[in-house]
Each structure stands twice: as C-alpha cells, then as structure tokens.
Amino acid sequence: MKPERHQRRFWVGLVLLPVALAILISLGTWQVKRLYWKEDLLAAIEQRSNAEPSDLSAIEAALDAGEAIDYRTARASGGFLNDKERHFFATFEGQSGFYVYTPLQLGDGRFLFVNRGFVPYDRKEASTRPQSLIDGEQQINGLARAKLAEKPSFMVPENDEAGNIFYWKDLDRMAASVDLPADKVLPFFLDADSTPVAGGLPRGGVTVIDLPNSHLQYAITWYGLALALAGVAVFGWLKRKS
C-alpha cells in the first residue's frame, strides 16, 4: 500500500505542478503589466502637476471628456465666502488639525471649493485667525482634485456636519451644508499652492502625491516562487530516479 500511495502522490503532484506554475507565472506577469501601468500613471501625474496652470474651463473640458483631472495645475479668480468655511480633519507634518475648504465665488456666479490649506486643531474657528479671512478678488493657483463618489472606506467616520468636521471630502454635502445651489458648484476641488497668506494660515501646498509602486517586488516574489517550485519538482524527480 505504501508504494501505491507514494505513486499516487507522485502523479497527483505531476498533474498539479503545471497548474501551480501557470498560476504563479501569470501572477508575476500581471504584476509586470501593473508596473508599466503605474509608471505611466506616475509620469502623467508628474507632467500634469508641473505644467503651467490652466483656466478652469480646461479642467471642465477634461472632465467632460472623461479624462483624469487629479493633480492638473489650474488657476481660479474670485472672492472667498469666508463665512462658509468647511473643515476637513487632517494631519499635516505630524500635527493634527484641519484643511480649510472655502467656496470661491467665480465671476460667472458659480462656486469652486478651494482647499486653502492646513490650520492647527486649536485654530479651526475662523475667529482665532482673523487675518486669514481675506476679502476682495483673489487669484488662486493650485492642483485640481476630483470629487469622491462615495466614502472611501467603511472605517472612515461619518461626517459631522453640525460640528463642521468632515472626515471625507463629500463635495455635495459640503455645498449643501452652506446652502450653495448644487448646479452652481463646480464638480471638483482646487488645492491651493504654497503661496504664503496673511498671518501664515491656512498653510497651502498640502497636496500629497504618494502613489506606492511595489509591483516590481511583487513580480519578483511570484516569479521567485515559481522558480522555487520548479526547483523542488526537479529535485524530487531526480531523487525518484536515483
């Protein structure tokens, strides 16, 4: 019975070996394809984020065409509605606080939510930083950011609209919570650049472009497992023949 059992295991292993190798090699190849895709994406973002700022109309046109608008440089002019600030809970350079999202009323009467930057936790209320409440026509340069279709994860808390604390950037609710008409609000954000403002707050230039690219390591891992499995199979075959 023992030789028969070993014989059966040998043939089962012989049948499963090519299946396992095919799976491991296909996973490695998939990661190589993802590597090329990620490198192209990072190159595109690098180009977009360092281009000359374009008018908002160019961002809208790209959005209408189904193109990616994240990290495109853009400029906007208008007046801030400082009494309608929305606050997004965030950590910046190791400090807890908020990103200040303020509607910018454009010349055509529409509104653009601008992430003006970071304020420490104890400077959330606008009354603690009166110099930040700038009036009059302003020109803002920054990076366009697409609106989120839904909460990023079930682990993210629900937004506290009553307390004006947003845990995820729900553009529609930000606008509704300050009574801005939905059809007048542009469907994206603008993250202001690091140009200093009066009083030093909010601190602009908070956009983090950090897209991990570990696909090469994953590909090496899958191919390495395939090679190791093939080596074990060859060793087993030679041992059986000896």
C-alpha atoms as a PDB file:
ATOM      1  CA  MET A   1       0.000   0.000   0.000  1.00  0.00           C
ATOM      2  CA  LYS A   2       2.836   2.378   0.847  1.00  0.00           C
ATOM      3  CA  PRO A   3       4.425   2.259  -2.629  1.00  0.00           C
ATOM      4  CA  GLU A   4       0.982   2.685  -4.184  1.00  0.00           C
ATOM      5  CA  ARG A   5       0.298   5.728  -2.008  1.00  0.00           C
ATOM      6  CA  HIS A   6       3.629   7.272  -2.984  1.00  0.00           C
ATOM      7  CA  GLN A   7       2.880   6.517  -6.620  1.00  0.00           C
ATOM      8  CA  ARG A   8      -0.499   8.220  -6.337  1.00  0.00           C
ATOM      9  CA  ARG A   9       1.018  11.272  -4.700  1.00  0.00           C
ATOM     10  CA  PHE A  10       3.621  11.461  -7.443  1.00  0.00           C
ATOM     11  CA  TRP A  11       1.036  11.511 -10.236  1.00  0.00           C
ATOM     12  CA  VAL A  12      -1.197  13.994  -8.378  1.00  0.00           C
ATOM     13  CA  GLY A  13       1.818  16.265  -7.912  1.00  0.00           C
ATOM     14  CA  LEU A  14       2.759  15.844 -11.550  1.00  0.00           C
ATOM     15  CA  VAL A  15      -0.712  16.978 -12.627  1.00  0.00           C
ATOM     16  CA  LEU A  16      -0.875  19.918 -10.171  1.00  0.00           C
ATOM     17  CA  LEU A  17       2.664  21.166 -10.853  1.00  0.00           C
ATOM     18  CA  PRO A  18       1.986  22.842 -14.227  1.00  0.00           C
ATOM     19  CA  VAL A  19      -1.248  24.343 -12.853  1.00  0.00           C
ATOM     20  CA  ALA A  20       0.593  25.870  -9.884  1.00  0.00           C
ATOM     21  CA  LEU A  21       3.422  27.092 -12.120  1.00  0.00           C
ATOM     22  CA  ALA A  22       0.952  28.644 -14.535  1.00  0.00           C
ATOM     23  CA  ILE A  23      -0.803  30.473 -11.701  1.00  0.00           C
ATOM     24  CA  LEU A  24       2.442  31.803 -10.207  1.00  0.00           C
ATOM     25  CA  ILE A  25       3.837  32.904 -13.569  1.00  0.00           C
ATOM     26  CA  SER A  26       0.548  34.574 -14.550  1.00  0.00           C
ATOM     27  CA  LEU A  27       0.520  36.482 -11.254  1.00  0.00           C
ATOM     28  CA  GLY A  28       4.075  37.622 -11.868  1.00  0.00           C
ATOM     29  CA  THR A  29       3.225  38.705 -15.410  1.00  0.00           C
ATOM     30  CA  TRP A  30       0.162  40.580 -14.170  1.00  0.00           C
ATOM     31  CA  GLN A  31       2.360  42.492 -11.736  1.00  0.00           C
ATOM     32  CA  VAL A  32       4.758  43.381 -14.562  1.00  0.00           C
ATOM     33  CA  LYS A  33       1.832  44.810 -16.531  1.00  0.00           C
ATOM     34  CA  ARG A  34       0.722  46.724 -13.425  1.00  0.00           C
ATOM     35  CA  LEU A  35       4.275  48.030 -13.090  1.00  0.00           C
ATOM     36  CA  TYR A  36       4.198  49.523 -16.592  1.00  0.00           C
ATOM     37  CA  TRP A  37       0.729  50.964 -15.938  1.00  0.00           C
ATOM     38  CA  LYS A  38       1.847  52.555 -12.646  1.00  0.00           C
ATOM     39  CA  GLU A  39       4.997  54.018 -14.201  1.00  0.00           C
ATOM     40  CA  ASP A  40       2.921  55.583 -16.989  1.00  0.00           C
ATOM     41  CA  LEU A  41       0.473  56.947 -14.412  1.00  0.00           C
ATOM     42  CA  LEU A  42       3.238  58.457 -12.284  1.00  0.00           C
ATOM     43  CA  ALA A  43       4.823  60.024 -15.352  1.00  0.00           C
ATOM     44  CA  ALA A  44       1.485  61.538 -16.378  1.00  0.00           C
ATOM     45  CA  ILE A  45       0.905  62.928 -12.879  1.00  0.00           C
ATOM     46  CA  GLU A  46       4.427  64.358 -12.820  1.00  0.00           C
ATOM     47  CA  GLN A  47       3.758  66.113 -16.108  1.00  0.00           C
ATOM     48  CA  ARG A  48       0.307  67.400 -15.082  1.00  0.00           C
ATOM     49  CA  SER A  49       1.421  68.675 -11.689  1.00  0.00           C
ATOM     50  CA  ASN A  50       4.341  70.656 -13.135  1.00  0.00           C
ATOM     51  CA  ALA A  51       2.608  72.187 -16.133  1.00  0.00           C
ATOM     52  CA  GLU A  52       1.646  75.833 -16.423  1.00  0.00           C
ATOM     53  CA  PRO A  53      -1.677  76.473 -14.627  1.00  0.00           C
ATOM     54  CA  SER A  54      -4.668  76.331 -16.950  1.00  0.00           C
ATOM     55  CA  ASP A  55      -8.050  78.011 -16.716  1.00  0.00           C
ATOM     56  CA  LEU A  56     -10.889  76.193 -15.025  1.00  0.00           C
ATOM     57  CA  SER A  57     -12.529  75.754 -18.419  1.00  0.00           C
ATOM     58  CA  ALA A  58      -9.709  73.378 -19.401  1.00  0.00           C
ATOM     59  CA  ILE A  59     -10.321  71.293 -16.277  1.00  0.00           C
ATOM     60  CA  GLU A  60     -14.050  71.185 -17.028  1.00  0.00           C
ATOM     61  CA  ALA A  61     -13.367  70.155 -20.627  1.00  0.00           C
ATOM     62  CA  ALA A  62     -11.078  67.345 -19.485  1.00  0.00           C
ATOM     63  CA  LEU A  63     -13.701  66.194 -17.004  1.00  0.00           C
ATOM     64  CA  ASP A  64     -16.413  66.209 -19.673  1.00  0.00           C
ATOM     65  CA  ALA A  65     -14.144  64.171 -21.941  1.00  0.00           C
ATOM     66  CA  GLY A  66     -13.704  61.529 -19.253  1.00  0.00           C
ATOM     67  CA  GLU A  67     -10.042  62.375 -18.707  1.00  0.00           C
ATOM     68  CA  ALA A  68      -8.310  62.320 -15.338  1.00  0.00           C
ATOM     69  CA  ILE A  69      -8.187  65.744 -13.705  1.00  0.00           C
ATOM     70  CA  ASP A  70      -6.396  64.880 -10.468  1.00  0.00           C
ATOM     71  CA  TYR A  71      -3.215  66.928  -9.975  1.00  0.00           C
ATOM     72  CA  ARG A  72      -3.722  69.114 -13.041  1.00  0.00           C
ATOM     73  CA  THR A  73      -2.422  72.605 -12.375  1.00  0.00           C
ATOM     74  CA  ALA A  74      -5.149  75.240 -12.535  1.00  0.00           C
ATOM     75  CA  ARG A  75      -5.900  78.830 -11.624  1.00  0.00           C
ATOM     76  CA  ALA A  76      -9.083  80.486 -10.471  1.00  0.00           C
ATOM     77  CA  SER A  77     -10.162  84.028  -9.642  1.00  0.00           C
ATOM     78  CA  GLY A  78     -12.956  85.176  -7.384  1.00  0.00           C
ATOM     79  CA  GLY A  79     -13.927  86.127  -3.877  1.00  0.00           C
ATOM     80  CA  PHE A  80     -13.884  83.810  -0.871  1.00  0.00           C
ATOM     81  CA  LEU A  81     -17.079  83.243   1.071  1.00  0.00           C
ATOM     82  CA  ASN A  82     -15.294  83.123   4.398  1.00  0.00           C
ATOM     83  CA  ASP A  83     -18.441  82.564   6.426  1.00  0.00           C
ATOM     84  CA  LYS A  84     -18.952  79.235   4.628  1.00  0.00           C
ATOM     85  CA  GLU A  85     -15.677  77.526   5.502  1.00  0.00           C
ATOM     86  CA  ARG A  86     -15.818  73.749   5.739  1.00  0.00           C
ATOM     87  CA  HIS A  87     -13.218  71.865   7.766  1.00  0.00           C
ATOM     88  CA  PHE A  88     -11.686  68.531   6.814  1.00  0.00           C
ATOM     89  CA  PHE A  89      -9.945  66.672   9.639  1.00  0.00           C
ATOM     90  CA  ALA A  90      -6.325  66.040   8.636  1.00  0.00           C
ATOM     91  CA  THR A  91      -2.760  65.545   9.787  1.00  0.00           C
ATOM     92  CA  PHE A  92      -0.029  67.638   8.257  1.00  0.00           C
ATOM     93  CA  GLU A  93       3.669  67.258   9.063  1.00  0.00           C
ATOM     94  CA  GLY A  94       2.775  65.235  12.151  1.00  0.00           C
ATOM     95  CA  GLN A  95       0.315  67.791  13.534  1.00  0.00           C
ATOM     96  CA  SER A  96      -3.432  67.259  13.842  1.00  0.00           C
ATOM     97  CA  GLY A  97      -5.750  69.905  12.537  1.00  0.00           C
ATOM     98  CA  PHE A  98      -7.923  70.735   9.574  1.00  0.00           C
ATOM     99  CA  TYR A  99      -7.776  71.590   5.905  1.00  0.00           C
ATOM    100  CA  VAL A 100      -9.893  74.673   5.305  1.00  0.00           C
ATOM    101  CA  TYR A 101     -12.237  74.336   2.325  1.00  0.00           C
ATOM    102  CA  THR A 102     -13.695  77.701   1.367  1.00  0.00           C
ATOM    103  CA  PRO A 103     -16.086  78.371  -1.530  1.00  0.00           C
ATOM    104  CA  LEU A 104     -14.637  80.776  -4.077  1.00  0.00           C
ATOM    105  CA  GLN A 105     -17.333  82.689  -5.936  1.00  0.00           C
ATOM    106  CA  LEU A 106     -16.275  82.998  -9.542  1.00  0.00           C
ATOM    107  CA  GLY A 107     -17.039  85.843 -11.891  1.00  0.00           C
ATOM    108  CA  ASP A 108     -19.814  83.887 -13.610  1.00  0.00           C
ATOM    109  CA  GLY A 109     -21.632  83.313 -10.308  1.00  0.00           C
ATOM    110  CA  ARG A 110     -20.574  79.704  -9.844  1.00  0.00           C
ATOM    111  CA  PHE A 111     -18.619  78.364  -6.870  1.00  0.00           C
ATOM    112  CA  LEU A 112     -15.398  76.398  -6.508  1.00  0.00           C
ATOM    113  CA  PHE A 113     -14.392  74.806  -3.217  1.00  0.00           C
ATOM    114  CA  VAL A 114     -10.752  75.661  -2.574  1.00  0.00           C
ATOM    115  CA  ASN A 115      -8.631  73.743  -0.105  1.00  0.00           C
ATOM    116  CA  ARG A 116      -6.770  76.753   1.217  1.00  0.00           C
ATOM    117  CA  GLY A 117      -4.521  74.605   3.381  1.00  0.00           C
ATOM    118  CA  PHE A 118      -3.842  73.481   6.918  1.00  0.00           C
ATOM    119  CA  VAL A 119      -4.643  75.063  10.282  1.00  0.00           C
ATOM    120  CA  PRO A 120      -3.766  73.502  13.668  1.00  0.00           C
ATOM    121  CA  TYR A 121      -6.545  71.896  15.698  1.00  0.00           C
ATOM    122  CA  ASP A 122      -6.926  74.906  18.011  1.00  0.00           C
ATOM    123  CA  ARG A 123      -7.176  77.317  15.072  1.00  0.00           C
ATOM    124  CA  LYS A 124     -10.184  75.646  13.473  1.00  0.00           C
ATOM    125  CA  GLU A 125     -12.553  78.508  14.156  1.00  0.00           C
ATOM    126  CA  ALA A 126     -12.103  81.446  11.818  1.00  0.00           C
ATOM    127  CA  SER A 127     -12.357  83.844  14.774  1.00  0.00           C
ATOM    128  CA  THR A 128      -8.956  82.588  16.000  1.00  0.00           C
ATOM    129  CA  ARG A 129      -7.250  83.652  12.760  1.00  0.00           C
ATOM    130  CA  PRO A 130      -8.980  86.811  11.500  1.00  0.00           C
ATOM    131  CA  GLN A 131      -6.108  87.625   9.145  1.00  0.00           C
ATOM    132  CA  SER A 132      -6.944  84.507   7.124  1.00  0.00           C
ATOM    133  CA  LEU A 133     -10.341  85.915   6.176  1.00  0.00           C
ATOM    134  CA  ILE A 134      -9.160  87.755   3.097  1.00  0.00           C
ATOM    135  CA  ASP A 135     -11.641  89.855   1.131  1.00  0.00           C
ATOM    136  CA  GLY A 136     -11.826  91.047  -2.425  1.00  0.00           C
ATOM    137  CA  GLU A 137     -10.766  89.489  -5.695  1.00  0.00           C
ATOM    138  CA  GLN A 138      -8.203  86.716  -5.299  1.00  0.00           C
ATOM    139  CA  GLN A 139      -6.275  84.614  -7.790  1.00  0.00           C
ATOM    140  CA  ILE A 140      -5.556  81.082  -6.631  1.00  0.00           C
ATOM    141  CA  ASN A 141      -3.135  78.669  -8.263  1.00  0.00           C
ATOM    142  CA  GLY A 142      -3.130  75.025  -7.322  1.00  0.00           C
ATOM    143  CA  LEU A 143      -3.961  71.445  -8.233  1.00  0.00           C
ATOM    144  CA  ALA A 144      -7.366  70.189  -9.305  1.00  0.00           C
ATOM    145  CA  ARG A 145      -8.751  67.272  -7.310  1.00  0.00           C
ATOM    146  CA  ALA A 146     -11.643  65.092  -8.386  1.00  0.00           C
ATOM    147  CA  LYS A 147     -14.686  64.776  -6.135  1.00  0.00           C
ATOM    148  CA  LEU A 148     -15.276  61.459  -4.408  1.00  0.00           C
ATOM    149  CA  ALA A 149     -18.281  59.414  -5.473  1.00  0.00           C
ATOM    150  CA  GLU A 150     -18.605  57.741  -2.078  1.00  0.00           C
ATOM    151  CA  LYS A 151     -16.977  57.316   1.318  1.00  0.00           C
ATOM    152  CA  PRO A 152     -13.519  55.778   0.761  1.00  0.00           C
ATOM    153  CA  SER A 153     -13.949  53.057   3.384  1.00  0.00           C
ATOM    154  CA  PHE A 154     -16.426  51.806   5.967  1.00  0.00           C
ATOM    155  CA  MET A 155     -13.728  52.550   8.545  1.00  0.00           C
ATOM    156  CA  VAL A 156     -13.918  56.289   7.827  1.00  0.00           C
ATOM    157  CA  PRO A 157     -16.303  58.025  10.275  1.00  0.00           C
ATOM    158  CA  GLU A 158     -19.424  59.733   9.063  1.00  0.00           C
ATOM    159  CA  ASN A 159     -19.080  63.460   8.507  1.00  0.00           C
ATOM    160  CA  ASP A 160     -20.157  65.670  11.395  1.00  0.00           C
ATOM    161  CA  GLU A 161     -21.902  68.435   9.507  1.00  0.00           C
ATOM    162  CA  ALA A 162     -23.344  70.007  12.652  1.00  0.00           C
ATOM    163  CA  GLY A 163     -19.852  70.340  14.097  1.00  0.00           C
ATOM    164  CA  ASN A 164     -18.386  71.307  10.715  1.00  0.00           C
ATOM    165  CA  ILE A 165     -15.937  68.409  10.747  1.00  0.00           C
ATOM    166  CA  PHE A 166     -15.626  66.372   7.563  1.00  0.00           C
ATOM    167  CA  TYR A 167     -13.806  63.049   7.662  1.00  0.00           C
ATOM    168  CA  TRP A 168     -14.106  62.508   3.931  1.00  0.00           C
ATOM    169  CA  LYS A 169     -14.413  65.079   1.174  1.00  0.00           C
ATOM    170  CA  ASP A 170     -18.077  64.898   0.279  1.00  0.00           C
ATOM    171  CA  LEU A 171     -18.339  67.870  -2.072  1.00  0.00           C
ATOM    172  CA  ASP A 172     -22.115  67.639  -2.425  1.00  0.00           C
ATOM    173  CA  ARG A 173     -22.672  67.733   1.334  1.00  0.00           C
ATOM    174  CA  MET A 174     -20.094  70.485   1.815  1.00  0.00           C
ATOM    175  CA  ALA A 175     -22.049  72.618  -0.625  1.00  0.00           C
ATOM    176  CA  ALA A 176     -25.476  71.698   0.754  1.00  0.00           C
ATOM    177  CA  SER A 177     -24.407  72.362   4.338  1.00  0.00           C
ATOM    178  CA  VAL A 178     -23.758  76.029   3.475  1.00  0.00           C
ATOM    179  CA  ASP A 179     -26.815  76.356   1.218  1.00  0.00           C
ATOM    180  CA  LEU A 180     -24.996  76.599  -2.088  1.00  0.00           C
ATOM    181  CA  PRO A 181     -27.084  75.519  -5.102  1.00  0.00           C
ATOM    182  CA  ALA A 182     -25.805  72.176  -6.400  1.00  0.00           C
ATOM    183  CA  ASP A 183     -25.990  73.252 -10.048  1.00  0.00           C
ATOM    184  CA  LYS A 184     -23.734  76.226  -9.350  1.00  0.00           C
ATOM    185  CA  VAL A 185     -20.908  74.298  -7.672  1.00  0.00           C
ATOM    186  CA  LEU A 186     -18.050  73.048  -9.857  1.00  0.00           C
ATOM    187  CA  PRO A 187     -17.686  69.247  -9.556  1.00  0.00           C
ATOM    188  CA  PHE A 188     -14.085  69.264  -8.347  1.00  0.00           C
ATOM    189  CA  PHE A 189     -11.830  70.903  -5.774  1.00  0.00           C
ATOM    190  CA  LEU A 190      -8.759  73.079  -6.097  1.00  0.00           C
ATOM    191  CA  ASP A 191      -5.886  72.564  -3.660  1.00  0.00           C
ATOM    192  CA  ALA A 192      -4.168  75.933  -3.261  1.00  0.00           C
ATOM    193  CA  ASP A 193      -0.407  76.060  -3.720  1.00  0.00           C
ATOM    194  CA  SER A 194       2.075  77.102  -1.033  1.00  0.00           C
ATOM    195  CA  THR A 195       1.907  80.847  -1.730  1.00  0.00           C
ATOM    196  CA  PRO A 196       2.048  82.472   1.753  1.00  0.00           C
ATOM    197  CA  VAL A 197      -1.087  84.201   3.024  1.00  0.00           C
ATOM    198  CA  ALA A 198      -1.590  86.944   5.593  1.00  0.00           C
ATOM    199  CA  GLY A 199      -0.981  85.644   9.091  1.00  0.00           C
ATOM    200  CA  GLY A 200       0.544  82.427   7.758  1.00  0.00           C
ATOM    201  CA  LEU A 201      -2.702  80.444   7.968  1.00  0.00           C
ATOM    202  CA  PRO A 202      -4.005  78.404   6.313  1.00  0.00           C
ATOM    203  CA  ARG A 203      -0.745  76.844   5.077  1.00  0.00           C
ATOM    204  CA  GLY A 204      -1.184  75.958   1.418  1.00  0.00           C
ATOM    205  CA  GLY A 205       0.624  73.366  -0.644  1.00  0.00           C
ATOM    206  CA  VAL A 206      -0.679  70.436   1.378  1.00  0.00           C
ATOM    207  CA  THR A 207      -1.372  68.112  -1.544  1.00  0.00           C
ATOM    208  CA  VAL A 208       0.437  64.813  -1.082  1.00  0.00           C
ATOM    209  CA  ILE A 209       1.212  62.858  -4.240  1.00  0.00           C
ATOM    210  CA  ASP A 210       2.238  59.474  -2.911  1.00  0.00           C
ATOM    211  CA  LEU A 211       1.263  56.531  -5.083  1.00  0.00           C
ATOM    212  CA  PRO A 212       3.186  53.436  -3.949  1.00  0.00           C
ATOM    213  CA  ASN A 213       4.796  51.402  -6.692  1.00  0.00           C
ATOM    214  CA  SER A 214       5.666  47.954  -5.327  1.00  0.00           C
ATOM    215  CA  HIS A 215       4.733  45.959  -8.416  1.00  0.00           C
ATOM    216  CA  LEU A 216       8.336  45.047  -9.260  1.00  0.00           C
ATOM    217  CA  GLN A 217       8.816  43.468  -5.819  1.00  0.00           C
ATOM    218  CA  TYR A 218       5.544  41.582  -6.196  1.00  0.00           C
ATOM    219  CA  ALA A 219       6.545  40.326  -9.653  1.00  0.00           C
ATOM    220  CA  ILE A 220       9.902  39.119  -8.345  1.00  0.00           C
ATOM    221  CA  THR A 221       8.116  37.356  -5.486  1.00  0.00           C
ATOM    222  CA  TRP A 222       5.702  35.463  -7.766  1.00  0.00           C
ATOM    223  CA  TYR A 223       8.396  34.548 -10.289  1.00  0.00           C
ATOM    224  CA  GLY A 224      10.686  33.516  -7.431  1.00  0.00           C
ATOM    225  CA  LEU A 225       8.024  31.202  -6.017  1.00  0.00           C
ATOM    226  CA  ALA A 226       7.549  29.684  -9.465  1.00  0.00           C
ATOM    227  CA  LEU A 227      11.287  29.127  -9.778  1.00  0.00           C
ATOM    228  CA  ALA A 228      11.468  27.610  -6.296  1.00  0.00           C
ATOM    229  CA  LEU A 229       8.565  25.277  -7.056  1.00  0.00           C
ATOM    230  CA  ALA A 230      10.201  24.177 -10.286  1.00  0.00           C
ATOM    231  CA  GLY A 231      13.440  23.537  -8.387  1.00  0.00           C
ATOM    232  CA  VAL A 232      11.644  21.415  -5.797  1.00  0.00           C
ATOM    233  CA  ALA A 233       9.954  19.445  -8.591  1.00  0.00           C
ATOM    234  CA  VAL A 234      13.262  18.793 -10.367  1.00  0.00           C
ATOM    235  CA  PHE A 235      14.894  17.747  -7.106  1.00  0.00           C
ATOM    236  CA  GLY A 236      12.022  15.366  -6.382  1.00  0.00           C
ATOM    237  CA  TRP A 237      12.227  13.889  -9.863  1.00  0.00           C
ATOM    238  CA  LEU A 238      15.982  13.313  -9.624  1.00  0.00           C
ATOM    239  CA  LYS A 239      15.619  11.780  -6.185  1.00  0.00           C
ATOM    240  CA  ARG A 240      12.935   9.422  -7.505  1.00  0.00           C
ATOM    241  CA  LYS A 241      15.165   8.382 -10.396  1.00  0.00           C
ATOM    242  CA  SER A 242      18.189   7.703  -8.140  1.00  0.00           C
END
